[in-house]
Protein backbone atom coordinates (compact mmCIF):
# COMPACT_ATOMS: atom_id res chain seq x y z
CA MET A 1 -19.09 -23.77 -56.58
CA LYS A 2 -19.31 -25.63 -60.26
CA LYS A 3 -16.73 -28.24 -60.68
CA ARG A 4 -15.43 -26.96 -63.91
CA GLU A 5 -14.88 -23.62 -62.52
CA LYS A 6 -11.42 -23.11 -60.85
CA GLY A 7 -11.39 -20.50 -57.89
CA PHE A 8 -14.09 -19.04 -55.76
CA SER A 9 -16.92 -16.71 -56.05
CA LEU A 10 -16.98 -13.11 -55.12
CA LEU A 11 -19.51 -14.18 -52.30
CA GLU A 12 -17.48 -16.82 -51.18
CA ALA A 13 -14.42 -14.76 -51.01
CA ALA A 14 -16.30 -12.02 -49.20
CA ILE A 15 -17.82 -14.56 -46.53
CA ALA A 16 -14.34 -15.85 -45.93
CA LEU A 17 -12.48 -12.59 -45.49
CA LEU A 18 -15.17 -11.41 -42.98
CA LEU A 19 -14.99 -14.58 -40.85
CA PHE A 20 -11.17 -14.30 -41.01
CA GLY A 21 -11.42 -10.82 -39.76
CA LEU A 22 -13.91 -11.58 -37.02
CA ILE A 23 -11.50 -14.39 -35.77
CA LEU A 24 -8.74 -12.08 -36.07
CA GLN A 25 -10.21 -9.31 -34.25
CA SER A 26 -11.44 -11.73 -31.37
CA LEU A 27 -7.99 -12.96 -30.91
CA LEU A 28 -6.71 -9.26 -30.61
CA ASN A 29 -9.11 -8.67 -28.02
CA PHE A 30 -8.62 -11.44 -26.01
CA PHE A 31 -4.63 -11.08 -26.13
CA SER A 32 -4.88 -7.23 -25.19
CA GLN A 33 -7.41 -8.09 -22.23
CA MET A 34 -4.62 -10.62 -21.12
CA TYR A 35 -1.94 -8.00 -21.30
CA VAL A 36 -3.97 -5.47 -19.08
CA SER A 37 -5.03 -8.24 -16.45
CA SER A 38 -1.22 -9.30 -16.50
CA LYS A 39 -0.15 -5.64 -15.74
CA ARG A 40 -2.72 -5.07 -13.18
CA PHE A 41 -1.70 -8.22 -11.45
CA ASP A 42 1.99 -6.95 -11.39
CA GLN A 43 0.96 -3.89 -10.08
CA ARG A 44 -1.18 -5.38 -7.49
CA THR A 45 1.62 -7.52 -6.46
CA TYR A 46 3.94 -4.68 -5.95
CA LEU A 47 1.60 -3.11 -3.78
CA VAL A 48 1.04 -5.88 -1.49
CA ASP A 49 4.91 -6.47 -1.28
CA ASN A 50 5.18 -2.71 -0.39
CA ALA A 51 2.57 -3.12 2.34
CA ARG A 52 4.18 -6.24 3.68
CA ALA A 53 7.43 -4.54 4.02
CA VAL A 54 5.76 -1.65 5.86
CA ASN A 55 4.08 -4.00 8.16
CA ASP A 56 7.29 -6.31 8.75
CA PHE A 57 9.62 -3.20 9.34
CA VAL A 58 7.08 -1.38 11.92
CA ARG A 59 6.35 -4.45 13.78
CA GLU A 60 10.17 -5.06 14.06
CA LYS A 61 11.23 -1.82 15.09
CA ILE A 62 8.27 -1.72 17.90
CA ARG A 63 9.41 -5.45 19.16
CA ILE A 64 13.04 -4.49 19.53
CA ALA A 65 12.43 -1.16 21.21
CA GLU A 66 12.64 -0.55 24.77
CA LYS A 67 10.62 2.71 24.78
CA VAL A 68 8.04 3.51 22.43
CA GLN A 69 5.91 6.77 21.66
CA ILE A 70 3.33 6.84 18.63
CA LEU A 71 2.34 10.54 17.48
CA VAL A 72 -1.00 10.63 15.77
CA GLY A 73 -3.19 13.51 14.73
CA THR A 74 -6.79 14.10 14.55
CA ALA A 75 -8.97 16.89 13.12
CA MET A 76 -8.86 18.49 16.48
CA SER A 77 -5.46 18.01 17.77
CA ASN A 78 -2.15 15.85 17.94
CA ASP A 79 -2.04 13.06 20.38
CA THR A 80 0.52 10.71 21.70
CA ILE A 81 -0.04 6.69 22.20
CA THR A 82 2.29 5.40 24.79
CA PRO A 83 2.44 2.12 26.61
CA ILE A 84 -0.32 2.43 29.52
CA LYS A 85 1.57 2.61 32.74
CA SER A 86 -1.02 5.11 34.83
CA ALA A 87 -4.69 5.87 34.56
CA SER A 88 -3.97 9.07 32.27
CA ASP A 89 -2.23 6.63 29.66
CA ASN A 90 -5.79 4.41 29.63
CA VAL A 91 -7.57 6.36 27.00
CA GLU A 92 -8.94 5.24 23.62
CA LYS A 93 -6.95 6.98 20.92
CA GLN A 94 -6.93 7.00 17.07
CA GLY A 95 -5.84 9.14 14.18
CA LYS A 96 -3.42 9.55 11.41
CA LEU A 97 0.30 8.51 12.12
CA TYR A 98 2.65 11.18 11.88
CA MET A 99 5.72 9.45 13.84
CA ILE A 100 6.80 6.54 15.90
CA GLN A 101 9.79 7.21 18.34
CA PHE A 102 11.84 4.44 19.40
CA LYS A 103 14.67 4.17 22.19
CA THR A 104 16.88 1.19 22.63
CA GLY A 105 19.70 1.34 24.66
CA THR A 106 21.31 4.67 23.75
CA ASP A 107 20.07 4.44 20.19
CA VAL A 108 17.22 6.99 19.27
CA SER A 109 15.30 6.46 16.13
CA ALA A 110 12.12 7.34 14.50
CA ILE A 111 9.49 6.12 11.67
CA GLU A 112 8.25 9.14 10.04
CA LEU A 113 5.24 9.84 7.58
CA ILE A 114 6.27 12.69 5.12
CA ALA A 115 3.84 14.43 2.93
CA VAL A 116 5.22 14.53 -0.51
CA PRO A 117 4.29 18.08 -1.87
CA ALA A 118 3.58 17.17 -5.34
CA PRO A 119 3.04 13.47 -5.61
CA ASP A 120 3.73 11.51 -8.63
CA LYS A 121 0.71 9.83 -10.36
CA THR A 122 2.73 6.52 -9.79
CA LYS A 123 3.44 7.11 -5.86
CA GLY A 124 1.38 7.85 -2.99
CA LYS A 125 0.75 10.76 -1.14
CA TYR A 126 3.13 10.15 1.45
CA LYS A 127 6.45 8.47 2.08
CA LEU A 128 7.62 6.29 5.16
CA VAL A 129 11.20 7.00 6.25
CA TYR A 130 13.17 5.56 9.12
CA THR A 131 15.92 7.97 10.72
CA VAL A 132 18.69 7.09 12.97
CA GLY A 133 20.69 9.92 13.75
CA PRO A 134 21.47 11.81 10.60
CA ASP A 135 20.96 8.93 8.39
CA THR A 136 17.51 8.35 6.69
CA ALA A 137 16.09 5.26 4.76
CA LEU A 138 13.28 5.16 2.68
CA ILE A 139 10.86 2.42 3.54
CA SER A 140 7.85 3.15 1.08
CA ASP A 141 6.83 5.77 -1.07
CA MET A 142 3.57 4.21 -2.11
CA ILE A 143 1.47 5.19 1.10
CA GLU A 144 -1.89 6.95 0.96
CA ASP A 145 -2.61 6.99 4.55
CA ILE A 146 -1.82 5.49 7.91
CA GLN A 147 -4.24 5.05 10.85
CA VAL A 148 -3.39 4.04 14.30
CA LYS A 149 -6.05 3.04 16.81
CA ARG A 150 -5.87 1.78 20.41
CA LYS A 151 -8.87 0.81 22.58
CA LYS A 152 -9.27 1.69 26.34
CA ASN A 153 -7.75 -0.95 28.71
CA SER A 154 -5.72 -2.32 25.63
CA ASP A 155 -1.93 -2.05 25.02
CA ILE A 156 -2.75 -3.43 21.37
CA VAL A 157 -2.09 -0.75 18.79
CA GLU A 158 -3.84 -1.48 15.49
CA PHE A 159 -2.50 0.16 12.05
CA THR A 160 -4.21 0.17 8.99
CA CYS A 161 -2.20 1.17 6.08
CA SER A 162 -3.45 2.28 2.49
CA PHE A 163 -1.64 1.96 -0.46
CA ASN A 164 -2.34 3.42 -3.88
CA LYS A 165 -1.08 3.23 -7.52
CA HIS A 166 -2.14 4.82 -10.63
CA GLY A 167 -1.45 2.27 -13.33
CA GLU A 168 -0.75 2.56 -17.04
CA THR A 169 -4.42 1.89 -17.66
CA LEU A 170 -5.19 4.79 -15.59
CA GLU A 171 -6.98 2.85 -13.17
CA LYS A 172 -6.13 3.47 -9.42
CA LEU A 173 -5.30 0.19 -7.53
CA LYS A 174 -5.75 0.61 -3.68
CA VAL A 175 -4.41 -2.14 -1.12
CA GLU A 176 -5.12 -1.99 2.51
CA GLU A 177 -3.28 -3.64 5.13
CA THR A 178 -4.18 -3.85 8.60
CA PHE A 179 -2.12 -5.17 11.50
CA THR A 180 -1.71 -5.18 15.32
CA GLU A 181 1.25 -4.79 17.48
CA SER A 182 1.41 -4.78 21.52
CA LEU A 183 3.04 -2.21 23.57
CA ALA A 184 2.46 -4.09 26.75
CA TYR A 185 6.04 -4.79 27.87
CA LYS A 186 7.46 -1.51 26.57
CA GLU A 187 8.48 1.54 28.51
CA LYS A 188 7.15 5.31 27.89
CA TYR A 189 9.41 7.38 25.82
């Protein structure tokens, strides 16, 4: 630019606008990526909290109960997992959870996995409900599956819970939580 002329040449103005546009585009891209990452983190945190709530609730109810039986299903048939009290109980069993029945004193209660007929995209395929008499309470509606497994010669039962959620970005988030609980000091239901 010559010293006597005031202003910028057309080439200088075009280069300045191009650089400004590139910087603005990179900043917008950066902030949109941060927003998407923040949303995914929030959704994942929600699923992890849901998984912990189910884990804690099931463990607490099994620990409090005097009598327990776990109803599971396989492709072939339905099966029952009970505390090992006789040789017929000492069998390896695994399958999908249908219901856990508890008895504490005279109180009879159950945790049941219920299929949701038309699952909402933001919810799981199943919901887990807790029933005491005529009252029911929702534990979680984000459940995709709960698998239960007990090995032979063991009163340890392993639960594997899967939780899914479709996010606003149409990406599917999945969280799996595995926990174990002992039926060693429980009575058969």
